[in-house]
């Protein structure tokens, strides 16, 4: 197995940073020189297009309520161009039938034919093996995906890795998980396996309450250690939005805490995904599924372009307070970014957008110390600090900017709040 650990501070990591960087010289009388890394550096805003994506979706092949065909066709009709079906590796297919939530006649018969080598921990891929149209026939990009479920949930992309159900005994999801040699498997082992298979990984919905029998919240130190140990070559980010609107302060503040610790040398991208199990209910059974997704900015809609954008942070996350059913509800009134411009001479970042009320620029939290118990509190650590408002940020002279800055666009319409989160710009003060 390759060793991916302890990359931080290496010459390779810094080379990656400066290859992305936009250098800027300070005006007279300003503070030290600054180098700015820009995840949208390669975007030609006059020719690139935005594409709606959901990277966290479930079907009857694990604990979802709908067939793969219905899920794919619903997201296509709802305007999504990019979709990853991420069924749980530890569920046998038709869990909802087994649990009595669906009658037996609604069970999925798929896959038909030879079972995949790591069945039932295999991804629901290709879609055509599960009765659904191919992505190509719909003009979509489909991503091979799997949600690793043992201990902390992790989404795996472009890899068929999954933990075999038979090896978990009766202690899943927190114990008794072993590989073919009898070695116990931890989150680090799973992340390394994804990297060895050439895949990408993101850490899922950190703020889910521990009151769920299948979840245990982790400490800030735990997340920090994962991003210290694992390379951005495969561990690329975390979910900052999910169906559970009640934990948004937890997830967003965690993101800012990690960015303050790791930027600019080690980017951590923020993903929005709805974690769809059923079209009509939220992740924890709340009435209504919250509207959240990611918008990719691409020169062409191909699998290669989507993967590159995931690696570079060339997308933004969206979330609203609105409850939706994607089978019948149209798109919400989200802010739309049409340009991000860096002026090196002036030391500015300018965002051009439509349908927004305000743009806030957010940087380091006021403190990196926890303020409450992370297990019981939904705000256990300080979130990022708003350092400026408006479409133009003076990144050299604005007070409070440390290591990174990110933008958040807000819109309020008919009592609902629509939010867009850019990925972070790295700040190096020489």
Protein backbone atom coordinates (compact mmCIF):
# COMPACT_ATOMS: atom_id res chain seq x y z
CA UNK A 1 0.00 0.00 0.00
CA UNK A 2 1.21 3.47 -0.87
CA UNK A 3 2.07 5.81 1.96
CA UNK A 4 -0.04 8.99 1.61
CA UNK A 5 0.47 10.21 5.19
CA UNK A 6 2.18 13.32 6.48
CA UNK A 7 2.30 15.29 3.25
CA UNK A 8 1.70 18.63 5.00
CA UNK A 9 4.55 21.09 4.60
CA UNK A 10 6.22 18.98 1.92
CA UNK A 11 7.75 20.56 -1.15
CA UNK A 12 5.12 18.84 -3.27
CA UNK A 13 2.26 20.46 -1.37
CA UNK A 14 3.80 23.89 -1.59
CA UNK A 15 4.54 23.41 -5.29
CA UNK A 16 0.88 22.58 -5.83
CA UNK A 17 -0.09 25.73 -4.01
CA UNK A 18 2.16 28.05 -5.98
CA UNK A 19 1.19 26.49 -9.30
CA UNK A 20 -2.33 27.61 -8.45
CA UNK A 21 -1.32 30.94 -7.00
CA UNK A 22 -1.83 34.44 -8.27
CA UNK A 23 1.05 36.61 -7.06
CA UNK A 24 0.46 40.19 -6.01
CA UNK A 25 2.82 42.97 -5.03
CA UNK A 26 1.68 45.37 -2.31
CA UNK A 27 0.95 49.02 -2.80
CA UNK A 28 3.09 51.47 -0.87
CA UNK A 29 2.18 51.64 2.80
CA UNK A 30 0.32 48.32 2.94
CA UNK A 31 1.29 45.30 4.98
CA UNK A 32 3.62 42.51 3.89
CA UNK A 33 3.43 41.05 0.34
CA UNK A 34 0.59 38.62 -0.23
CA UNK A 35 0.20 35.64 -2.53
CA UNK A 36 -3.40 34.65 -3.32
CA UNK A 37 -4.44 31.16 -4.41
CA UNK A 38 -7.67 31.05 -6.38
CA UNK A 39 -9.71 27.85 -6.88
CA UNK A 40 -11.44 29.52 -9.85
CA UNK A 41 -8.20 30.55 -11.51
CA UNK A 42 -8.75 28.45 -14.64
CA UNK A 43 -12.34 29.57 -15.23
CA UNK A 44 -13.08 31.66 -18.32
CA UNK A 45 -16.28 33.24 -17.05
CA UNK A 46 -17.32 34.37 -20.52
CA UNK A 47 -17.40 30.85 -21.95
CA UNK A 48 -17.69 28.39 -19.03
CA UNK A 49 -21.13 27.24 -17.88
CA UNK A 50 -22.54 26.20 -14.50
CA UNK A 51 -23.92 22.72 -13.92
CA UNK A 52 -26.07 21.60 -11.01
CA UNK A 53 -24.76 18.58 -9.11
CA UNK A 54 -25.75 16.27 -6.30
CA UNK A 55 -22.94 14.07 -5.01
CA UNK A 56 -24.78 12.24 -2.22
CA UNK A 57 -27.82 10.16 -3.20
CA UNK A 58 -29.36 6.84 -2.11
CA UNK A 59 -31.61 4.23 -3.72
CA UNK A 60 -33.24 0.90 -2.95
CA UNK A 61 -29.80 -0.65 -3.41
CA UNK A 62 -29.12 0.36 0.19
CA UNK A 63 -31.45 2.28 2.55
CA UNK A 64 -33.07 4.61 0.01
CA UNK A 65 -36.79 4.56 -0.73
CA UNK A 66 -36.71 4.79 -4.54
CA UNK A 67 -35.39 2.71 -7.41
CA UNK A 68 -32.22 3.71 -9.19
CA UNK A 69 -34.26 4.42 -12.32
CA UNK A 70 -36.63 6.75 -10.47
CA UNK A 71 -33.76 8.57 -8.75
CA UNK A 72 -31.80 9.13 -11.96
CA UNK A 73 -34.81 10.26 -13.97
CA UNK A 74 -36.07 12.56 -11.20
CA UNK A 75 -32.75 14.36 -10.84
CA UNK A 76 -32.44 14.67 -14.59
CA UNK A 77 -35.91 16.24 -14.89
CA UNK A 78 -35.10 18.54 -11.95
CA UNK A 79 -32.22 20.06 -13.92
CA UNK A 80 -29.24 18.22 -12.48
CA UNK A 81 -26.40 17.59 -14.91
CA UNK A 82 -24.07 15.74 -12.50
CA UNK A 83 -25.13 12.92 -10.18
CA UNK A 84 -23.37 10.45 -7.89
CA UNK A 85 -25.38 7.61 -6.40
CA UNK A 86 -23.68 6.83 -3.10
CA UNK A 87 -25.48 3.86 -1.62
CA UNK A 88 -24.15 2.65 1.73
CA UNK A 89 -21.56 -0.08 1.59
CA UNK A 90 -22.91 -1.83 4.71
CA UNK A 91 -26.57 -2.15 3.67
CA UNK A 92 -27.85 -5.09 1.74
CA UNK A 93 -30.13 -3.98 -1.10
CA UNK A 94 -33.77 -3.36 -0.23
CA UNK A 95 -33.15 -2.41 3.39
CA UNK A 96 -36.51 -0.58 3.40
CA UNK A 97 -38.26 -3.83 2.45
CA UNK A 98 -36.38 -5.76 5.14
CA UNK A 99 -37.33 -3.11 7.71
CA UNK A 100 -41.00 -3.24 6.71
CA UNK A 101 -41.09 0.25 5.17
CA UNK A 102 -41.88 -1.09 1.69
CA UNK A 103 -43.96 -4.11 0.61
CA UNK A 104 -42.00 -7.00 -0.87
CA UNK A 105 -43.34 -6.38 -4.37
CA UNK A 106 -41.51 -3.05 -4.46
CA UNK A 107 -38.11 -4.65 -3.92
CA UNK A 108 -35.37 -4.01 -6.43
CA UNK A 109 -34.26 -7.13 -8.37
CA UNK A 110 -30.90 -5.59 -9.31
CA UNK A 111 -28.19 -6.19 -10.14
CA UNK A 112 -29.20 -8.91 -12.55
CA UNK A 113 -26.41 -11.23 -13.60
CA UNK A 114 -23.06 -11.93 -11.98
CA UNK A 115 -22.70 -10.11 -8.67
CA UNK A 116 -19.85 -7.63 -8.35
CA UNK A 117 -16.78 -9.01 -6.53
CA UNK A 118 -17.41 -6.93 -3.39
CA UNK A 119 -21.19 -7.31 -3.33
CA UNK A 120 -23.13 -6.00 -1.44
CA UNK A 121 -20.55 -3.30 -0.56
CA UNK A 122 -20.17 -2.40 -4.23
CA UNK A 123 -21.22 0.96 -5.71
CA UNK A 124 -24.53 1.21 -7.55
CA UNK A 125 -22.65 1.43 -10.82
CA UNK A 126 -23.02 1.43 -13.77
CA UNK A 127 -26.58 2.74 -13.63
CA UNK A 128 -27.66 0.52 -16.51
CA UNK A 129 -26.96 -2.58 -14.37
CA UNK A 130 -29.67 -1.34 -12.01
CA UNK A 131 -32.45 -0.64 -14.51
CA UNK A 132 -31.67 3.06 -15.01
CA UNK A 133 -30.74 5.01 -18.15
CA UNK A 134 -27.06 5.61 -18.79
CA UNK A 135 -25.75 9.10 -17.99
CA UNK A 136 -24.79 9.55 -21.64
CA UNK A 137 -28.34 8.91 -22.85
CA UNK A 138 -29.56 11.75 -20.62
CA UNK A 139 -26.73 14.16 -21.34
CA UNK A 140 -25.54 13.86 -17.74
CA UNK A 141 -22.27 13.00 -16.02
CA UNK A 142 -22.64 10.03 -13.70
CA UNK A 143 -20.03 9.44 -11.01
CA UNK A 144 -19.26 6.06 -9.51
CA UNK A 145 -19.88 6.55 -5.79
CA UNK A 146 -20.13 4.70 -2.49
CA UNK A 147 -20.85 5.87 1.04
CA UNK A 148 -18.51 4.18 3.48
CA UNK A 149 -20.56 3.74 6.61
CA UNK A 150 -18.39 2.18 9.28
CA UNK A 151 -17.61 4.70 11.98
CA UNK A 152 -17.57 8.13 10.30
CA UNK A 153 -19.42 8.24 6.99
CA UNK A 154 -17.16 9.01 4.02
CA UNK A 155 -18.17 9.39 0.40
CA UNK A 156 -15.93 7.63 -2.10
CA UNK A 157 -15.90 8.63 -5.78
CA UNK A 158 -14.28 7.04 -8.86
CA UNK A 159 -13.58 3.88 -6.82
CA UNK A 160 -15.37 0.61 -6.13
CA UNK A 161 -14.01 0.37 -2.58
CA UNK A 162 -16.42 -0.70 0.16
CA UNK A 163 -16.27 -2.66 3.42
CA UNK A 164 -17.70 -6.13 3.15
CA UNK A 165 -20.92 -6.62 5.08
CA UNK A 166 -20.04 -10.17 6.14
CA UNK A 167 -16.96 -8.94 8.03
CA UNK A 168 -18.83 -6.62 10.36
CA UNK A 169 -20.55 -9.14 12.58
CA UNK A 170 -23.21 -7.73 14.89
CA UNK A 171 -21.18 -4.70 15.98
CA UNK A 172 -21.68 -2.46 12.96
CA UNK A 173 -21.25 0.36 12.44
CA UNK A 174 -18.71 0.98 15.22
CA UNK A 175 -16.89 -2.24 15.89
CA UNK A 176 -15.92 -5.68 14.62
CA UNK A 177 -14.93 -4.35 11.20
CA UNK A 178 -12.01 -6.32 9.77
CA UNK A 179 -10.28 -6.84 6.44
CA UNK A 180 -9.58 -10.18 4.77
CA UNK A 181 -6.55 -10.64 7.04
CA UNK A 182 -8.52 -10.04 10.22
CA UNK A 183 -7.12 -6.52 10.75
CA UNK A 184 -9.58 -4.02 12.19
CA UNK A 185 -10.51 -1.24 9.75
CA UNK A 186 -10.57 2.41 10.78
CA UNK A 187 -11.38 5.60 8.89
CA UNK A 188 -7.73 6.10 7.98
CA UNK A 189 -7.60 2.64 6.42
CA UNK A 190 -10.64 3.45 4.32
CA UNK A 191 -9.25 6.78 3.17
CA UNK A 192 -5.96 5.17 2.21
CA UNK A 193 -7.81 2.48 0.28
CA UNK A 194 -9.73 5.09 -1.70
CA UNK A 195 -6.46 6.84 -2.53
CA UNK A 196 -4.79 3.61 -3.57
CA UNK A 197 -7.67 2.91 -5.96
CA UNK A 198 -7.31 6.33 -7.55
CA UNK A 199 -10.50 7.67 -6.00
CA UNK A 200 -11.53 10.86 -4.24
CA UNK A 201 -13.10 11.19 -0.79
CA UNK A 202 -15.06 13.72 1.21
CA UNK A 203 -16.09 13.52 4.88
CA UNK A 204 -19.86 13.55 5.29
CA UNK A 205 -22.32 15.49 7.47
CA UNK A 206 -20.19 15.98 10.61
CA UNK A 207 -22.95 17.63 12.65
CA UNK A 208 -25.45 14.76 12.67
CA UNK A 209 -26.48 14.39 16.36
CA UNK A 210 -25.13 11.47 18.36
CA UNK A 211 -28.71 10.75 19.44
CA UNK A 212 -28.90 8.63 16.29
CA UNK A 213 -27.86 5.07 17.09
CA UNK A 214 -25.76 4.94 13.92
CA UNK A 215 -23.71 8.07 14.60
CA UNK A 216 -21.02 9.34 16.93
CA UNK A 217 -19.87 12.94 16.64
CA UNK A 218 -16.14 13.47 16.42
CA UNK A 219 -13.95 16.09 18.05
CA UNK A 220 -12.35 18.98 16.19
CA UNK A 221 -8.99 17.34 16.82
CA UNK A 222 -10.21 14.21 15.05
CA UNK A 223 -11.06 16.13 11.87
CA UNK A 224 -7.85 18.11 12.08
CA UNK A 225 -5.83 14.91 12.26
CA UNK A 226 -7.54 13.41 9.21
CA UNK A 227 -6.59 16.40 7.08
CA UNK A 228 -3.08 16.39 8.51
CA UNK A 229 -2.57 12.75 7.66
CA UNK A 230 -4.23 12.50 4.27
CA UNK A 231 -3.23 14.16 1.02
CA UNK A 232 -5.49 16.51 -0.95
CA UNK A 233 -4.73 14.21 -3.84
CA UNK A 234 -7.63 12.08 -2.56
CA UNK A 235 -9.16 13.60 0.62
CA UNK A 236 -10.53 16.76 -0.94
CA UNK A 237 -13.07 18.22 1.48
CA UNK A 238 -16.12 17.97 3.71
CA UNK A 239 -19.86 18.42 3.36
CA UNK A 240 -20.73 21.87 4.64
CA UNK A 241 -24.41 21.54 3.74
CA UNK A 242 -26.71 18.56 4.05
CA UNK A 243 -30.39 17.89 4.63
CA UNK A 244 -30.08 18.61 8.33
CA UNK A 245 -30.55 22.39 8.50
CA UNK A 246 -30.38 22.26 12.31
CA UNK A 247 -26.64 21.51 12.24
CA UNK A 248 -25.52 24.14 9.73
CA UNK A 249 -23.68 26.16 12.39
CA UNK A 250 -21.81 23.02 13.43
CA UNK A 251 -20.71 22.10 9.91
CA UNK A 252 -19.85 25.57 8.67
CA UNK A 253 -17.94 26.47 11.81
CA UNK A 254 -16.01 23.20 11.58
CA UNK A 255 -15.06 24.12 8.03
CA UNK A 256 -13.74 27.52 9.13
CA UNK A 257 -11.83 25.95 12.02
CA UNK A 258 -10.17 23.50 9.63
CA UNK A 259 -9.42 26.18 7.05
CA UNK A 260 -7.69 28.29 9.67
CA UNK A 261 -5.51 25.33 10.60
CA UNK A 262 -4.69 24.09 7.10
CA UNK A 263 -4.93 26.89 4.56
CA UNK A 264 -3.26 28.00 2.41
CA UNK A 265 -0.95 25.00 1.97
CA UNK A 266 -3.71 22.42 2.25
CA UNK A 267 -7.08 23.31 0.69
CA UNK A 268 -10.29 21.79 2.08
CA UNK A 269 -13.21 22.23 -0.30
CA UNK A 270 -16.78 22.69 0.92
CA UNK A 271 -19.43 20.53 -0.76
CA UNK A 272 -23.20 20.88 -0.79
CA UNK A 273 -25.25 17.70 -1.16
CA UNK A 274 -28.79 16.71 -0.16
CA UNK A 275 -28.11 13.13 1.04
CA UNK A 276 -31.39 12.07 -0.54
CA UNK A 277 -32.97 8.91 0.89
CA UNK A 278 -36.54 9.86 0.01
CA UNK A 279 -37.89 12.75 -2.05
CA UNK A 280 -40.30 13.88 0.67
CA UNK A 281 -38.38 13.73 3.94
CA UNK A 282 -35.13 15.06 5.31
CA UNK A 283 -32.21 12.97 6.47
CA UNK A 284 -33.41 12.65 10.06
CA UNK A 285 -37.09 12.20 9.20
CA UNK A 286 -37.97 15.90 9.18
CA UNK A 287 -40.95 16.89 7.07
CA UNK A 288 -39.46 18.08 3.82
CA UNK A 289 -36.06 17.75 2.20
CA UNK A 290 -33.90 20.86 2.32
CA UNK A 291 -32.74 22.32 -0.99
CA UNK A 292 -28.97 21.94 -1.17
CA UNK A 293 -26.54 21.06 -3.95
CA UNK A 294 -23.28 22.13 -5.65
CA UNK A 295 -22.80 24.17 -8.82
CA UNK A 296 -19.83 23.21 -10.99
CA UNK A 297 -18.19 25.72 -13.33
CA UNK A 298 -16.93 23.88 -16.41
CA UNK A 299 -15.76 24.49 -19.93
CA UNK A 300 -17.41 21.23 -20.98
CA UNK A 301 -19.62 18.68 -19.30
CA UNK A 302 -17.38 15.59 -19.13
CA UNK A 303 -16.40 13.18 -16.40
CA UNK A 304 -12.80 14.34 -16.63
CA UNK A 305 -13.79 17.99 -16.25
CA UNK A 306 -16.00 17.22 -13.25
CA UNK A 307 -13.25 15.31 -11.50
CA UNK A 308 -10.74 18.09 -12.13
CA UNK A 309 -13.20 20.63 -10.72
CA UNK A 310 -13.68 18.50 -7.60
CA UNK A 311 -9.92 18.40 -7.10
CA UNK A 312 -9.41 22.14 -7.68
CA UNK A 313 -12.48 23.44 -5.85
CA UNK A 314 -13.98 24.79 -9.06
CA UNK A 315 -17.56 24.83 -7.78
CA UNK A 316 -19.69 26.49 -5.13
CA UNK A 317 -22.18 25.08 -2.61
CA UNK A 318 -25.81 26.16 -2.30
CA UNK A 319 -28.31 25.79 0.51
CA UNK A 320 -31.72 27.23 1.38
CA UNK A 321 -34.23 26.88 4.18
CA UNK A 322 -36.87 25.82 1.65
CA UNK A 323 -38.32 22.32 1.78
CA UNK A 324 -38.66 20.72 -1.62
CA UNK A 325 -39.78 17.62 -3.47
CA UNK A 326 -37.56 17.43 -6.60
CA UNK A 327 -40.30 15.59 -8.49
CA UNK A 328 -42.53 18.66 -8.52
CA UNK A 329 -40.79 21.75 -7.10
CA UNK A 330 -38.86 24.04 -9.37
CA UNK A 331 -35.49 25.65 -8.63
CA UNK A 332 -35.27 28.20 -5.87
CA UNK A 333 -34.07 31.77 -6.17
CA UNK A 334 -30.43 31.18 -5.41
CA UNK A 335 -27.75 33.79 -6.06
CA UNK A 336 -25.83 32.99 -9.24
CA UNK A 337 -22.13 33.79 -9.63
CA UNK A 338 -21.15 34.91 -13.14
CA UNK A 339 -17.62 36.10 -12.49
CA UNK A 340 -14.75 36.18 -10.00
CA UNK A 341 -11.94 38.56 -10.94
CA UNK A 342 -8.55 39.04 -9.31
CA UNK A 343 -6.87 42.41 -9.82
CA UNK A 344 -3.24 41.98 -8.79
CA UNK A 345 -2.38 45.66 -9.10
CA UNK A 346 -5.24 46.79 -6.87
CA UNK A 347 -5.21 43.74 -4.59
CA UNK A 348 -8.90 43.01 -5.06
CA UNK A 349 -11.25 40.08 -5.50
CA UNK A 350 -14.47 41.06 -7.27
CA UNK A 351 -17.53 38.85 -7.47
CA UNK A 352 -20.08 39.49 -10.21
CA UNK A 353 -23.42 37.85 -9.42
CA UNK A 354 -27.17 38.17 -9.81
CA UNK A 355 -30.16 37.63 -7.54
CA UNK A 356 -28.44 38.40 -4.26
CA UNK A 357 -29.04 40.80 -1.39
CA UNK A 358 -25.58 40.78 0.14
CA UNK A 359 -22.08 39.36 -0.23
CA UNK A 360 -20.15 38.63 2.94
CA UNK A 361 -16.44 37.85 3.08
CA UNK A 362 -15.47 35.43 5.83
CA UNK A 363 -12.04 34.61 7.24
CA UNK A 364 -10.52 33.12 10.40
CA UNK A 365 -12.63 32.42 13.48
CA UNK A 366 -12.06 34.73 16.44
CA UNK A 367 -10.73 31.75 18.39
CA UNK A 368 -9.64 28.21 17.62
CA UNK A 369 -10.65 27.00 21.08
CA UNK A 370 -13.92 25.04 21.59
CA UNK A 371 -16.65 26.92 23.45
CA UNK A 372 -19.04 24.02 24.17
CA UNK A 373 -19.27 20.24 24.18
CA UNK A 374 -19.14 19.04 20.56
CA UNK A 375 -21.35 16.04 21.36
CA UNK A 376 -24.31 17.97 22.75
CA UNK A 377 -23.96 21.46 21.27
CA UNK A 378 -24.73 22.47 17.69
CA UNK A 379 -22.31 25.41 18.04
CA UNK A 380 -19.30 23.92 19.85
CA UNK A 381 -16.64 26.14 18.22
CA UNK A 382 -16.53 29.68 16.83
CA UNK A 383 -17.32 30.09 13.16
CA UNK A 384 -15.55 32.31 10.67
CA UNK A 385 -15.43 36.08 11.09
CA UNK A 386 -17.13 38.42 8.62
CA UNK A 387 -14.35 40.81 7.57
CA UNK A 388 -16.13 42.74 4.80
CA UNK A 389 -19.41 43.09 2.91
CA UNK A 390 -19.85 43.97 -0.74
CA UNK A 391 -18.85 42.65 -4.14
CA UNK A 392 -15.23 43.89 -3.95
CA UNK A 393 -12.75 42.78 -1.30
CA UNK A 394 -9.41 44.51 -0.74
CA UNK A 395 -7.55 41.38 0.27
CA UNK A 396 -4.29 43.15 1.16
CA UNK A 397 -5.65 45.80 3.47
CA UNK A 398 -8.88 44.45 4.96
CA UNK A 399 -8.42 43.76 8.66
CA UNK A 400 -9.00 40.27 10.03
CA UNK A 401 -7.96 38.22 7.00
CA UNK A 402 -5.74 35.32 8.05
CA UNK A 403 -4.66 32.41 5.85
CA UNK A 404 -7.87 32.35 3.78
CA UNK A 405 -11.01 34.19 2.83
CA UNK A 406 -14.25 32.86 1.38
CA UNK A 407 -17.40 34.56 0.15
CA UNK A 408 -21.02 33.90 1.02
CA UNK A 409 -23.87 35.30 -1.06
CA UNK A 410 -27.32 35.67 0.52
CA UNK A 411 -30.83 36.18 -0.78
CA UNK A 412 -34.10 36.34 1.20
CA UNK A 413 -37.30 35.63 -0.72
CA UNK A 414 -40.77 34.89 0.64
CA UNK A 415 -39.41 34.08 4.07
CA UNK A 416 -36.70 31.71 2.87
CA UNK A 417 -32.97 32.32 2.94
CA UNK A 418 -30.85 31.22 0.00
CA UNK A 419 -27.10 30.96 0.53
CA UNK A 420 -24.14 30.34 -1.78
CA UNK A 421 -20.66 29.47 -0.48
CA UNK A 422 -17.53 29.91 -2.56
CA UNK A 423 -14.51 27.79 -1.87
CA UNK A 424 -11.68 29.47 0.04
CA UNK A 425 -9.02 31.70 -1.45
CA UNK A 426 -5.64 31.05 0.18
CA UNK A 427 -3.74 33.99 1.67
CA UNK A 428 0.02 33.90 2.24
CA UNK A 429 1.65 36.85 3.94
CA UNK A 430 5.36 36.68 3.21
